[in-house]
Amino acid sequence: MRLNEIVYTDAVPIDGYGPGFFRIGGEAHGAPLAVLPSGIHPWGGIEDAGTLLGAADALDVLFIGTGAEIAHIPADLRRTLEEAGLGVEVMASPAACRTYNVLLSEGRRVGLALLPV
């Protein structure tokens, strides 16, 4: 078996999570939050498209973590993000964190918006 060290570019991976927080780059951050190429930002939740739209040009796909369980996001939020050119994938927050880390390690242009678990 060959093991390769994962090297992340300027973005930081999600190290872990717990009730109401996410650990990113060794620091705990309250949730909800957005992890974008410009950094880690507070996010107003599924009613806040503005925080996410600011990164539309720098991302190919945005993962939205809906908490402990997968849930639908409002149709108008999805439409707004997709009209801005963002691919949107919705999943439970733990799965969103794992998927984000994998694609980030591949050098992909990904972002993450997370609701607490």
Protein backbone atom coordinates (compact mmCIF):
# COMPACT_ATOMS: atom_id res chain seq x y z
CA MET A 1 0.00 0.00 0.00
CA ARG A 2 1.28 3.43 -0.90
CA LEU A 3 0.40 6.38 1.31
CA ASN A 4 0.55 9.91 0.03
CA GLU A 5 0.53 13.03 2.14
CA ILE A 6 -2.36 15.28 1.23
CA VAL A 7 -1.26 18.83 0.49
CA TYR A 8 -3.95 21.49 0.58
CA THR A 9 -3.40 24.71 -1.33
CA ASP A 10 -4.38 27.98 0.38
CA ALA A 11 -7.68 26.53 1.57
CA VAL A 12 -7.92 24.62 4.81
CA PRO A 13 -9.60 21.25 5.39
CA ILE A 14 -12.30 20.53 7.93
CA ASP A 15 -10.61 18.78 10.87
CA GLY A 16 -13.74 17.87 12.82
CA TYR A 17 -17.12 18.96 14.10
CA GLY A 18 -19.42 18.73 17.09
CA PRO A 19 -22.63 20.24 18.43
CA GLY A 20 -22.61 23.85 17.21
CA PHE A 21 -18.98 24.03 16.01
CA PHE A 22 -16.58 23.00 13.28
CA ARG A 23 -12.80 22.66 13.71
CA ILE A 24 -10.94 24.07 10.72
CA GLY A 25 -7.17 24.42 10.53
CA GLY A 26 -6.95 23.52 14.21
CA GLU A 27 -9.36 26.26 15.36
CA ALA A 28 -12.96 25.86 16.52
CA HIS A 29 -15.51 28.02 14.71
CA GLY A 30 -19.15 28.51 15.65
CA ALA A 31 -21.75 27.46 13.16
CA PRO A 32 -23.34 28.19 10.76
CA LEU A 33 -20.38 29.18 8.64
CA ALA A 34 -19.12 29.39 5.07
CA VAL A 35 -15.70 28.08 4.07
CA LEU A 36 -14.77 29.91 0.89
CA PRO A 37 -11.56 30.72 -0.99
CA SER A 38 -11.58 34.12 0.74
CA GLY A 39 -11.60 32.47 4.18
CA ILE A 40 -13.97 31.30 6.88
CA HIS A 41 -17.02 33.51 7.31
CA PRO A 42 -20.12 33.53 9.52
CA TRP A 43 -23.10 32.48 7.43
CA GLY A 44 -26.70 33.51 8.08
CA GLY A 45 -28.03 30.06 7.17
CA ILE A 46 -30.30 29.07 4.33
CA GLU A 47 -31.76 32.56 4.10
CA ASP A 48 -28.33 34.11 3.41
CA ALA A 49 -27.37 33.84 -0.26
CA GLY A 50 -25.25 37.00 -0.19
CA THR A 51 -22.33 35.49 1.71
CA LEU A 52 -22.16 32.63 -0.78
CA LEU A 53 -22.65 34.70 -3.94
CA GLY A 54 -19.47 36.66 -3.22
CA ALA A 55 -17.47 33.53 -4.04
CA ALA A 56 -19.35 32.49 -7.18
CA ASP A 57 -16.50 33.37 -9.55
CA ALA A 58 -13.94 31.43 -7.51
CA LEU A 59 -15.93 28.17 -7.17
CA ASP A 60 -17.13 25.38 -9.37
CA VAL A 61 -19.24 23.68 -6.72
CA LEU A 62 -20.66 24.67 -3.36
CA PHE A 63 -21.54 22.00 -0.82
CA ILE A 64 -24.31 22.92 1.58
CA GLY A 65 -24.35 20.91 4.78
CA THR A 66 -27.85 20.89 6.28
CA GLY A 67 -26.95 19.67 9.77
CA ALA A 68 -27.09 16.15 11.14
CA GLU A 69 -29.58 15.02 8.48
CA ILE A 70 -29.98 15.87 4.81
CA ALA A 71 -32.75 18.36 4.13
CA HIS A 72 -33.98 20.39 1.18
CA ILE A 73 -32.84 23.97 0.81
CA PRO A 74 -35.34 26.62 -0.30
CA ALA A 75 -35.91 26.56 -4.06
CA ASP A 76 -35.17 30.29 -4.33
CA LEU A 77 -31.75 29.82 -2.66
CA ARG A 78 -30.84 27.01 -5.06
CA ARG A 79 -32.06 29.02 -8.05
CA THR A 80 -30.13 32.15 -6.99
CA LEU A 81 -26.89 30.20 -6.53
CA GLU A 82 -27.26 28.26 -9.77
CA GLU A 83 -28.06 31.42 -11.74
CA ALA A 84 -24.77 32.83 -10.43
CA GLY A 85 -22.98 29.84 -11.98
CA LEU A 86 -22.50 27.75 -8.85
CA GLY A 87 -23.02 24.03 -8.87
CA VAL A 88 -24.91 23.27 -5.65
CA GLU A 89 -24.79 19.94 -3.82
CA VAL A 90 -26.86 19.52 -0.66
CA MET A 91 -26.08 16.85 1.93
CA ALA A 92 -25.82 16.34 5.67
CA SER A 93 -23.02 18.42 7.19
CA PRO A 94 -20.74 15.44 8.07
CA ALA A 95 -20.91 14.16 4.47
CA ALA A 96 -20.40 17.69 3.12
CA CYS A 97 -17.23 18.06 5.22
CA ARG A 98 -15.81 14.75 3.99
CA THR A 99 -16.64 15.45 0.35
CA TYR A 100 -15.20 18.97 0.59
CA ASN A 101 -11.93 17.60 2.03
CA VAL A 102 -11.56 15.02 -0.73
CA LEU A 103 -12.16 17.48 -3.56
CA LEU A 104 -10.02 20.12 -1.86
CA SER A 105 -7.14 17.63 -1.73
CA GLU A 106 -7.54 17.17 -5.49
CA GLY A 107 -7.10 20.90 -6.01
CA ARG A 108 -10.73 21.47 -7.01
CA ARG A 109 -12.46 24.86 -6.65
CA VAL A 110 -14.92 24.02 -3.88
CA GLY A 111 -16.72 25.88 -1.13
CA LEU A 112 -18.72 24.82 1.84
CA ALA A 113 -21.69 26.27 3.72
CA LEU A 114 -22.47 24.47 6.95
CA LEU A 115 -25.33 24.33 9.39
CA PRO A 116 -24.47 22.84 12.82
CA VAL A 117 -24.81 19.15 13.61
